[in-house]
C-alpha atoms as a PDB file:
ATOM      1  CA  UNK A   1     100.394  56.095  39.223  1.00  0.00           C
ATOM      2  CA  UNK A   2     100.517  59.506  40.806  1.00  0.00           C
ATOM      3  CA  UNK A   3     100.340  59.790  44.669  1.00  0.00           C
ATOM      4  CA  UNK A   4     100.332  62.975  46.629  1.00  0.00           C
ATOM      5  CA  UNK A   5     103.028  63.167  49.354  1.00  0.00           C
ATOM      6  CA  UNK A   6     104.067  65.418  52.101  1.00  0.00           C
ATOM      7  CA  UNK A   7     107.612  65.602  53.419  1.00  0.00           C
ATOM      8  CA  UNK A   8     107.491  66.373  57.209  1.00  0.00           C
ATOM      9  CA  UNK A   9     110.151  66.943  59.639  1.00  0.00           C
ATOM     10  CA  UNK A  10     109.007  65.244  62.943  1.00  0.00           C
ATOM     11  CA  UNK A  11     109.928  65.979  66.639  1.00  0.00           C
ATOM     12  CA  UNK A  12     110.654  69.667  65.720  1.00  0.00           C
ATOM     13  CA  UNK A  13     108.694  72.759  65.034  1.00  0.00           C
ATOM     14  CA  UNK A  14     111.355  74.141  62.685  1.00  0.00           C
ATOM     15  CA  UNK A  15     111.928  73.132  59.102  1.00  0.00           C
ATOM     16  CA  UNK A  16     115.179  71.012  58.652  1.00  0.00           C
ATOM     17  CA  UNK A  17     115.285  69.931  62.352  1.00  0.00           C
ATOM     18  CA  UNK A  18     114.234  66.521  63.842  1.00  0.00           C
ATOM     19  CA  UNK A  19     113.748  63.744  61.473  1.00  0.00           C
ATOM     20  CA  UNK A  20     112.236  63.804  57.975  1.00  0.00           C
ATOM     21  CA  UNK A  21     109.702  61.463  56.668  1.00  0.00           C
ATOM     22  CA  UNK A  22     107.934  61.428  53.296  1.00  0.00           C
ATOM     23  CA  UNK A  23     104.260  60.510  53.682  1.00  0.00           C
ATOM     24  CA  UNK A  24     102.746  58.934  50.489  1.00  0.00           C
ATOM     25  CA  UNK A  25      98.995  59.261  50.859  1.00  0.00           C
ATOM     26  CA  UNK A  26      97.048  56.206  49.556  1.00  0.00           C
ATOM     27  CA  UNK A  27     100.336  54.380  48.997  1.00  0.00           C
ATOM     28  CA  UNK A  28      99.678  51.311  51.254  1.00  0.00           C
ATOM     29  CA  UNK A  29      98.566  49.442  48.214  1.00  0.00           C
ATOM     30  CA  UNK A  30     102.164  49.611  46.546  1.00  0.00           C
ATOM     31  CA  UNK A  31     104.344  46.476  46.529  1.00  0.00           C
ATOM     32  CA  UNK A  32     107.213  46.304  48.873  1.00  0.00           C
ATOM     33  CA  UNK A  33     110.001  46.718  46.410  1.00  0.00           C
ATOM     34  CA  UNK A  34     108.444  50.040  45.184  1.00  0.00           C
ATOM     35  CA  UNK A  35     108.231  51.161  48.659  1.00  0.00           C
ATOM     36  CA  UNK A  36     111.781  50.447  49.516  1.00  0.00           C
ATOM     37  CA  UNK A  37     113.018  51.987  46.275  1.00  0.00           C
ATOM     38  CA  UNK A  38     111.086  55.163  47.160  1.00  0.00           C
ATOM     39  CA  UNK A  39     112.760  55.368  50.606  1.00  0.00           C
ATOM     40  CA  UNK A  40     116.187  55.009  48.856  1.00  0.00           C
ATOM     41  CA  UNK A  41     115.285  57.713  46.446  1.00  0.00           C
ATOM     42  CA  UNK A  42     114.571  60.212  49.312  1.00  0.00           C
ATOM     43  CA  UNK A  43     117.683  59.233  51.234  1.00  0.00           C
ATOM     44  CA  UNK A  44     115.528  59.387  54.392  1.00  0.00           C
ATOM     45  CA  UNK A  45     115.570  56.624  56.961  1.00  0.00           C
ATOM     46  CA  UNK A  46     111.881  55.882  56.761  1.00  0.00           C
ATOM     47  CA  UNK A  47     108.747  56.674  54.749  1.00  0.00           C
ATOM     48  CA  UNK A  48     105.063  55.797  55.285  1.00  0.00           C
ATOM     49  CA  UNK A  49     102.462  54.689  52.978  1.00  0.00           C
ATOM     50  CA  UNK A  50      98.758  55.136  54.069  1.00  0.00           C
ATOM     51  CA  UNK A  51      95.512  53.586  53.185  1.00  0.00           C
ATOM     52  CA  UNK A  52      92.009  52.856  54.448  1.00  0.00           C
ATOM     53  CA  UNK A  53      91.479  50.458  57.348  1.00  0.00           C
ATOM     54  CA  UNK A  54      88.637  48.213  58.503  1.00  0.00           C
ATOM     55  CA  UNK A  55      89.750  48.226  62.121  1.00  0.00           C
ATOM     56  CA  UNK A  56      91.213  51.756  62.654  1.00  0.00           C
ATOM     57  CA  UNK A  57      90.842  55.224  61.367  1.00  0.00           C
ATOM     58  CA  UNK A  58      93.993  54.945  59.145  1.00  0.00           C
ATOM     59  CA  UNK A  59      96.287  52.141  57.941  1.00  0.00           C
ATOM     60  CA  UNK A  60      99.916  53.006  58.010  1.00  0.00           C
ATOM     61  CA  UNK A  61     102.821  50.948  56.570  1.00  0.00           C
ATOM     62  CA  UNK A  62     106.413  51.765  57.503  1.00  0.00           C
ATOM     63  CA  UNK A  63     109.455  51.189  55.430  1.00  0.00           C
ATOM     64  CA  UNK A  64     113.155  51.534  55.669  1.00  0.00           C
ATOM     65  CA  UNK A  65     115.292  51.419  52.601  1.00  0.00           C
ATOM     66  CA  UNK A  66     115.841  47.686  53.100  1.00  0.00           C
ATOM     67  CA  UNK A  67     112.494  46.414  54.325  1.00  0.00           C
ATOM     68  CA  UNK A  68     109.119  46.978  55.924  1.00  0.00           C
ATOM     69  CA  UNK A  69     108.964  47.388  59.739  1.00  0.00           C
ATOM     70  CA  UNK A  70     105.915  46.988  62.008  1.00  0.00           C
ATOM     71  CA  UNK A  71     106.058  50.370  63.521  1.00  0.00           C
ATOM     72  CA  UNK A  72     108.103  53.597  63.731  1.00  0.00           C
ATOM     73  CA  UNK A  73     107.768  56.744  65.931  1.00  0.00           C
ATOM     74  CA  UNK A  74     108.801  59.778  63.924  1.00  0.00           C
ATOM     75  CA  UNK A  75     106.885  58.567  60.832  1.00  0.00           C
ATOM     76  CA  UNK A  76     103.818  58.245  63.034  1.00  0.00           C
ATOM     77  CA  UNK A  77     104.105  61.900  64.012  1.00  0.00           C
ATOM     78  CA  UNK A  78     104.855  62.877  60.323  1.00  0.00           C
ATOM     79  CA  UNK A  79     101.871  60.928  59.003  1.00  0.00           C
ATOM     80  CA  UNK A  80      99.353  62.447  61.393  1.00  0.00           C
ATOM     81  CA  UNK A  81     100.742  66.038  60.877  1.00  0.00           C
ATOM     82  CA  UNK A  82     100.755  65.563  57.129  1.00  0.00           C
ATOM     83  CA  UNK A  83      96.995  64.437  57.228  1.00  0.00           C
ATOM     84  CA  UNK A  84      96.015  67.064  59.725  1.00  0.00           C
ATOM     85  CA  UNK A  85      97.672  69.801  57.632  1.00  0.00           C
ATOM     86  CA  UNK A  86      95.710  68.678  54.575  1.00  0.00           C
ATOM     87  CA  UNK A  87      92.394  68.711  56.546  1.00  0.00           C
ATOM     88  CA  UNK A  88      92.036  64.868  56.189  1.00  0.00           C
ATOM     89  CA  UNK A  89      91.613  64.412  59.947  1.00  0.00           C
ATOM     90  CA  UNK A  90      90.384  66.693  62.632  1.00  0.00           C
ATOM     91  CA  UNK A  91      91.838  67.603  66.210  1.00  0.00           C
ATOM     92  CA  UNK A  92      91.327  64.836  68.682  1.00  0.00           C
ATOM     93  CA  UNK A  93      91.863  61.174  69.035  1.00  0.00           C
ATOM     94  CA  UNK A  94      92.257  58.661  66.225  1.00  0.00           C
ATOM     95  CA  UNK A  95      93.597  55.203  65.727  1.00  0.00           C
ATOM     96  CA  UNK A  96      96.358  53.814  63.390  1.00  0.00           C
ATOM     97  CA  UNK A  97      96.348  50.301  62.029  1.00  0.00           C
ATOM     98  CA  UNK A  98     100.040  49.134  62.002  1.00  0.00           C
ATOM     99  CA  UNK A  99     101.664  45.813  61.808  1.00  0.00           C
ATOM    100  CA  UNK A 100     102.438  46.179  65.469  1.00  0.00           C
ATOM    101  CA  UNK A 101      98.869  46.632  66.389  1.00  0.00           C
ATOM    102  CA  UNK A 102      96.344  49.522  66.900  1.00  0.00           C
ATOM    103  CA  UNK A 103      98.208  52.763  67.968  1.00  0.00           C
ATOM    104  CA  UNK A 104      96.078  55.318  69.632  1.00  0.00           C
ATOM    105  CA  UNK A 105      97.003  58.954  68.715  1.00  0.00           C
ATOM    106  CA  UNK A 106      95.877  62.352  69.626  1.00  0.00           C
ATOM    107  CA  UNK A 107      96.557  65.390  67.418  1.00  0.00           C
ATOM    108  CA  UNK A 108      96.144  69.058  68.113  1.00  0.00           C
ATOM    109  CA  UNK A 109      97.402  71.064  65.102  1.00  0.00           C
ATOM    110  CA  UNK A 110     100.838  70.167  64.642  1.00  0.00           C
ATOM    111  CA  UNK A 111     101.399  68.473  68.019  1.00  0.00           C
ATOM    112  CA  UNK A 112     100.879  64.634  68.257  1.00  0.00           C
ATOM    113  CA  UNK A 113     100.846  62.156  71.082  1.00  0.00           C
ATOM    114  CA  UNK A 114     101.062  58.508  70.344  1.00  0.00           C
ATOM    115  CA  UNK A 115     100.583  55.699  73.004  1.00  0.00           C
ATOM    116  CA  UNK A 116     103.081  53.003  72.166  1.00  0.00           C
ATOM    117  CA  UNK A 117     102.391  49.471  73.203  1.00  0.00           C
ATOM    118  CA  UNK A 118     103.125  47.963  76.591  1.00  0.00           C
ATOM    119  CA  UNK A 119     106.802  47.071  76.634  1.00  0.00           C
ATOM    120  CA  UNK A 120     107.944  43.490  75.851  1.00  0.00           C
ATOM    121  CA  UNK A 121     111.245  42.938  77.729  1.00  0.00           C
ATOM    122  CA  UNK A 122     113.502  40.479  75.978  1.00  0.00           C
ATOM    123  CA  UNK A 123     116.902  39.028  76.181  1.00  0.00           C
ATOM    124  CA  UNK A 124     119.941  40.897  77.611  1.00  0.00           C
ATOM    125  CA  UNK A 125     122.800  40.436  75.160  1.00  0.00           C
ATOM    126  CA  UNK A 126     126.392  40.464  76.333  1.00  0.00           C
ATOM    127  CA  UNK A 127     127.577  44.012  77.048  1.00  0.00           C
ATOM    128  CA  UNK A 128     130.860  43.433  75.207  1.00  0.00           C
ATOM    129  CA  UNK A 129     129.105  42.353  72.017  1.00  0.00           C
ATOM    130  CA  UNK A 130     126.750  45.367  72.191  1.00  0.00           C
ATOM    131  CA  UNK A 131     129.584  47.900  72.930  1.00  0.00           C
ATOM    132  CA  UNK A 132     131.665  46.696  70.064  1.00  0.00           C
ATOM    133  CA  UNK A 133     128.924  47.671  67.661  1.00  0.00           C
ATOM    134  CA  UNK A 134     129.534  51.335  68.595  1.00  0.00           C
ATOM    135  CA  UNK A 135     133.256  50.928  68.977  1.00  0.00           C
ATOM    136  CA  UNK A 136     133.011  51.115  72.693  1.00  0.00           C
ATOM    137  CA  UNK A 137     134.381  48.935  75.555  1.00  0.00           C
ATOM    138  CA  UNK A 138     132.087  46.905  77.733  1.00  0.00           C
ATOM    139  CA  UNK A 139     132.531  49.115  80.704  1.00  0.00           C
ATOM    140  CA  UNK A 140     131.280  52.082  78.788  1.00  0.00           C
ATOM    141  CA  UNK A 141     127.831  50.586  79.250  1.00  0.00           C
ATOM    142  CA  UNK A 142     126.661  51.260  82.774  1.00  0.00           C
ATOM    143  CA  UNK A 143     123.762  48.887  83.025  1.00  0.00           C
ATOM    144  CA  UNK A 144     122.963  45.518  81.322  1.00  0.00           C
ATOM    145  CA  UNK A 145     121.711  46.172  77.850  1.00  0.00           C
ATOM    146  CA  UNK A 146     118.320  44.623  76.961  1.00  0.00           C
ATOM    147  CA  UNK A 147     116.131  44.062  73.952  1.00  0.00           C
ATOM    148  CA  UNK A 148     112.848  46.102  74.561  1.00  0.00           C
ATOM    149  CA  UNK A 149     109.874  46.566  72.171  1.00  0.00           C
ATOM    150  CA  UNK A 150     106.957  48.922  72.334  1.00  0.00           C
ATOM    151  CA  UNK A 151     106.235  48.073  68.683  1.00  0.00           C
ATOM    152  CA  UNK A 152     109.679  47.726  67.206  1.00  0.00           C
ATOM    153  CA  UNK A 153     112.431  45.929  69.109  1.00  0.00           C
ATOM    154  CA  UNK A 154     115.740  47.816  70.206  1.00  0.00           C
ATOM    155  CA  UNK A 155     118.596  46.988  72.289  1.00  0.00           C
ATOM    156  CA  UNK A 156     118.742  49.776  74.900  1.00  0.00           C
ATOM    157  CA  UNK A 157     122.497  50.512  75.822  1.00  0.00           C
ATOM    158  CA  UNK A 158     122.952  52.969  78.600  1.00  0.00           C
ATOM    159  CA  UNK A 159     126.373  54.688  78.323  1.00  0.00           C
ATOM    160  CA  UNK A 160     128.412  56.687  80.980  1.00  0.00           C
ATOM    161  CA  UNK A 161     127.956  60.151  79.668  1.00  0.00           C
ATOM    162  CA  UNK A 162     127.641  62.563  76.734  1.00  0.00           C
ATOM    163  CA  UNK A 163     131.439  62.108  75.949  1.00  0.00           C
ATOM    164  CA  UNK A 164     130.940  58.407  75.566  1.00  0.00           C
ATOM    165  CA  UNK A 165     127.868  58.876  73.457  1.00  0.00           C
ATOM    166  CA  UNK A 166     129.735  61.120  71.201  1.00  0.00           C
ATOM    167  CA  UNK A 167     132.421  58.450  70.581  1.00  0.00           C
ATOM    168  CA  UNK A 168     129.942  55.942  69.148  1.00  0.00           C
ATOM    169  CA  UNK A 169     130.946  54.876  65.651  1.00  0.00           C
ATOM    170  CA  UNK A 170     129.372  51.926  63.788  1.00  0.00           C
ATOM    171  CA  UNK A 171     131.510  48.871  63.371  1.00  0.00           C
ATOM    172  CA  UNK A 172     129.978  46.748  60.594  1.00  0.00           C
ATOM    173  CA  UNK A 173     131.841  43.633  61.586  1.00  0.00           C
ATOM    174  CA  UNK A 174     130.758  43.984  65.078  1.00  0.00           C
ATOM    175  CA  UNK A 175     127.091  44.600  63.985  1.00  0.00           C
ATOM    176  CA  UNK A 176     127.266  41.294  62.047  1.00  0.00           C
ATOM    177  CA  UNK A 177     128.440  39.610  65.225  1.00  0.00           C
ATOM    178  CA  UNK A 178     125.801  41.202  67.363  1.00  0.00           C
ATOM    179  CA  UNK A 179     123.108  40.270  64.777  1.00  0.00           C
ATOM    180  CA  UNK A 180     124.264  36.578  64.539  1.00  0.00           C
ATOM    181  CA  UNK A 181     124.210  36.465  68.476  1.00  0.00           C
ATOM    182  CA  UNK A 182     120.521  37.307  68.289  1.00  0.00           C
ATOM    183  CA  UNK A 183     119.814  34.857  65.385  1.00  0.00           C
ATOM    184  CA  UNK A 184     119.628  37.471  62.703  1.00  0.00           C
ATOM    185  CA  UNK A 185     121.458  39.061  59.667  1.00  0.00           C
ATOM    186  CA  UNK A 186     122.590  42.556  60.325  1.00  0.00           C
ATOM    187  CA  UNK A 187     120.034  44.026  57.871  1.00  0.00           C
ATOM    188  CA  UNK A 188     117.171  42.242  59.610  1.00  0.00           C
ATOM    189  CA  UNK A 189     117.600  43.633  63.236  1.00  0.00           C
ATOM    190  CA  UNK A 190     117.656  47.187  64.520  1.00  0.00           C
ATOM    191  CA  UNK A 191     120.941  48.570  65.548  1.00  0.00           C
ATOM    192  CA  UNK A 192     121.472  49.327  69.337  1.00  0.00           C
ATOM    193  CA  UNK A 193     120.114  52.491  70.766  1.00  0.00           C
ATOM    194  CA  UNK A 194     122.665  54.431  72.658  1.00  0.00           C
ATOM    195  CA  UNK A 195     121.335  56.496  75.649  1.00  0.00           C
ATOM    196  CA  UNK A 196     122.723  58.643  78.415  1.00  0.00           C
ATOM    197  CA  UNK A 197     120.870  60.305  81.223  1.00  0.00           C
ATOM    198  CA  UNK A 198     121.959  63.803  80.272  1.00  0.00           C
ATOM    199  CA  UNK A 199     120.376  66.173  77.735  1.00  0.00           C
ATOM    200  CA  UNK A 200     122.170  67.602  74.737  1.00  0.00           C
ATOM    201  CA  UNK A 201     120.857  70.937  76.245  1.00  0.00           C
ATOM    202  CA  UNK A 202     119.554  72.126  79.622  1.00  0.00           C
ATOM    203  CA  UNK A 203     116.014  71.407  78.363  1.00  0.00           C
ATOM    204  CA  UNK A 204     116.611  67.596  77.893  1.00  0.00           C
ATOM    205  CA  UNK A 205     116.803  64.661  80.507  1.00  0.00           C
ATOM    206  CA  UNK A 206     118.232  62.074  78.105  1.00  0.00           C
ATOM    207  CA  UNK A 207     120.055  62.204  74.873  1.00  0.00           C
ATOM    208  CA  UNK A 208     120.440  59.336  72.531  1.00  0.00           C
ATOM    209  CA  UNK A 209     122.014  58.244  69.128  1.00  0.00           C
ATOM    210  CA  UNK A 210     121.133  55.490  66.503  1.00  0.00           C
ATOM    211  CA  UNK A 211     123.886  54.758  63.995  1.00  0.00           C
ATOM    212  CA  UNK A 212     122.731  52.771  61.070  1.00  0.00           C
ATOM    213  CA  UNK A 213     124.010  50.204  58.549  1.00  0.00           C
ATOM    214  CA  UNK A 214     123.544  50.750  54.853  1.00  0.00           C
ATOM    215  CA  UNK A 215     121.411  51.144  52.835  1.00  0.00           C
ATOM    216  CA  UNK A 216     119.994  53.481  55.475  1.00  0.00           C
ATOM    217  CA  UNK A 217     121.712  56.927  56.050  1.00  0.00           C
ATOM    218  CA  UNK A 218     124.636  56.842  58.649  1.00  0.00           C
ATOM    219  CA  UNK A 219     122.628  58.080  61.533  1.00  0.00           C
ATOM    220  CA  UNK A 220     118.916  58.493  62.527  1.00  0.00           C
ATOM    221  CA  UNK A 221     118.098  62.076  63.737  1.00  0.00           C
ATOM    222  CA  UNK A 222     115.299  61.117  66.069  1.00  0.00           C
ATOM    223  CA  UNK A 223     114.070  57.603  66.824  1.00  0.00           C
ATOM    224  CA  UNK A 224     110.514  57.801  68.276  1.00  0.00           C
ATOM    225  CA  UNK A 225     109.963  54.067  68.560  1.00  0.00           C
ATOM    226  CA  UNK A 226     113.277  53.524  70.343  1.00  0.00           C
ATOM    227  CA  UNK A 227     112.497  56.462  72.552  1.00  0.00           C
ATOM    228  CA  UNK A 228     109.447  54.473  73.895  1.00  0.00           C
ATOM    229  CA  UNK A 229     111.618  51.408  74.376  1.00  0.00           C
ATOM    230  CA  UNK A 230     114.238  53.423  76.135  1.00  0.00           C
ATOM    231  CA  UNK A 231     111.674  55.008  78.514  1.00  0.00           C
ATOM    232  CA  UNK A 232     110.266  51.743  79.525  1.00  0.00           C
ATOM    233  CA  UNK A 233     113.743  50.373  80.185  1.00  0.00           C
ATOM    234  CA  UNK A 234     114.809  53.305  82.273  1.00  0.00           C
ATOM    235  CA  UNK A 235     111.648  53.259  84.310  1.00  0.00           C
ATOM    236  CA  UNK A 236     111.480  49.406  84.795  1.00  0.00           C
ATOM    237  CA  UNK A 237     114.907  49.309  85.978  1.00  0.00           C
ATOM    238  CA  UNK A 238     114.781  52.234  88.438  1.00  0.00           C
ATOM    239  CA  UNK A 239     117.286  54.219  86.322  1.00  0.00           C
ATOM    240  CA  UNK A 240     115.005  57.424  86.345  1.00  0.00           C
ATOM    241  CA  UNK A 241     113.261  58.905  89.241  1.00  0.00           C
ATOM    242  CA  UNK A 242     110.100  60.117  87.284  1.00  0.00           C
ATOM    243  CA  UNK A 243     108.088  58.509  84.438  1.00  0.00           C
ATOM    244  CA  UNK A 244     107.942  61.721  82.550  1.00  0.00           C
ATOM    245  CA  UNK A 245     110.877  63.452  80.976  1.00  0.00           C
ATOM    246  CA  UNK A 246     112.227  65.184  77.850  1.00  0.00           C
ATOM    247  CA  UNK A 247     114.132  62.954  75.392  1.00  0.00           C
ATOM    248  CA  UNK A 248     116.544  64.733  72.929  1.00  0.00           C
ATOM    249  CA  UNK A 249     118.364  63.342  69.902  1.00  0.00           C
ATOM    250  CA  UNK A 250     120.034  64.493  66.666  1.00  0.00           C
ATOM    251  CA  UNK A 251     121.858  67.608  67.939  1.00  0.00           C
ATOM    252  CA  UNK A 252     125.272  66.141  67.005  1.00  0.00           C
ATOM    253  CA  UNK A 253     124.265  65.859  63.385  1.00  0.00           C
ATOM    254  CA  UNK A 254     122.647  69.231  63.020  1.00  0.00           C
ATOM    255  CA  UNK A 255     119.055  67.897  63.339  1.00  0.00           C
ATOM    256  CA  UNK A 256     118.050  68.527  66.897  1.00  0.00           C
ATOM    257  CA  UNK A 257     114.821  66.813  67.900  1.00  0.00           C
ATOM    258  CA  UNK A 258     112.741  66.521  71.282  1.00  0.00           C
ATOM    259  CA  UNK A 259     109.935  64.628  72.610  1.00  0.00           C
ATOM    260  CA  UNK A 260     107.859  64.704  75.745  1.00  0.00           C
ATOM    261  CA  UNK A 261     107.799  61.176  77.138  1.00  0.00           C
ATOM    262  CA  UNK A 262     105.497  59.669  79.833  1.00  0.00           C
ATOM    263  CA  UNK A 263     105.648  56.011  80.911  1.00  0.00           C
ATOM    264  CA  UNK A 264     102.330  54.639  81.867  1.00  0.00           C
ATOM    265  CA  UNK A 265     101.792  52.497  84.953  1.00  0.00           C
ATOM    266  CA  UNK A 266     104.102  51.344  87.833  1.00  0.00           C
ATOM    267  CA  UNK A 267     107.605  50.157  87.205  1.00  0.00           C
ATOM    268  CA  UNK A 268     106.607  46.425  87.381  1.00  0.00           C
ATOM    269  CA  UNK A 269     103.439  46.887  85.330  1.00  0.00           C
ATOM    270  CA  UNK A 270     104.003  49.303  82.515  1.00  0.00           C
ATOM    271  CA  UNK A 271     100.884  49.487  80.246  1.00  0.00           C
ATOM    272  CA  UNK A 272     102.271  51.803  77.418  1.00  0.00           C
ATOM    273  CA  UNK A 273     104.375  54.831  76.785  1.00  0.00           C
ATOM    274  CA  UNK A 274     103.214  58.134  75.547  1.00  0.00           C
ATOM    275  CA  UNK A 275     105.696  59.954  73.126  1.00  0.00           C
ATOM    276  CA  UNK A 276     104.671  63.412  72.160  1.00  0.00           C
ATOM    277  CA  UNK A 277     106.211  65.736  69.490  1.00  0.00           C
ATOM    278  CA  UNK A 278     105.507  68.313  66.869  1.00  0.00           C
ATOM    279  CA  UNK A 279     106.005  68.150  63.321  1.00  0.00           C
ATOM    280  CA  UNK A 280     106.287  70.681  60.328  1.00  0.00           C
ATOM    281  CA  UNK A 281     105.519  70.094  56.620  1.00  0.00           C
ATOM    282  CA  UNK A 282     108.541  71.297  54.459  1.00  0.00           C
ATOM    283  CA  UNK A 283     107.402  70.307  50.973  1.00  0.00           C
ATOM    284  CA  UNK A 284     104.467  68.584  49.129  1.00  0.00           C
ATOM    285  CA  UNK A 285     103.900  67.269  45.731  1.00  0.00           C
ATOM    286  CA  UNK A 286     103.212  64.194  43.605  1.00  0.00           C
ATOM    287  CA  UNK A 287     105.184  60.963  43.425  1.00  0.00           C
ATOM    288  CA  UNK A 288     104.932  58.877  40.248  1.00  0.00           C
ATOM    289  CA  UNK A 289     105.088  55.340  41.392  1.00  0.00           C
ATOM    290  CA  UNK A 290     104.125  51.882  39.837  1.00  0.00           C
END
């Protein structure tokens, strides 16, 4: 079957910046193995497959190269920008049906704001086990790491500074140990999200990295879902003074991305996280999938 697709770079207004995502229109009906094979074919971190919804304006399925996940940030921006560019949706509010629930979105041209779920704060893994995943020492992490989900769980690991962040390298054996400590296999849990309270440029307030295990690419250029988790973590723990800030990612791998972030609600009663970014369509065509 032939499906129309758009390849969109998200969290950037420039082609070949931010994080790419292929949006397969009408592809939500495809079986899981076809969707994961498609992601591997693109060499992207994630792709989306859309379809009609009985409970929202659009149904969106999110896939890594290894599995389906309930939600993802940059593919949400990419999906909405792709549909807006095609004239399938108009400017204004809409809702997305995802496996993580209904996600409210507002679009104006190529600018998208998603409201991620109220955070769920989970366990605090041992700092030494988390640090080892990135080839770091426990004292390189300056606040207890914690699993946080605003739709997809990530372990937020706040490190000392930009220099420490640059030293992060994935240790596959340590990732297995970390996953087992959480009760998972390494391909069934998201990798730690490494964060520092310095921008990659003067325009940013935070900078982050997500290094990945195969079959995904080595590093994610911009992780919108983890950015929401990180924002909730920093605000809840009193690690930032304001609930709104600029998050940056991807600069070290030549894919600079940026998001406007706003945590909703007081530190002890966060109701959601707004993550805003732009997107640009870089190619479109037909995918022949069955």
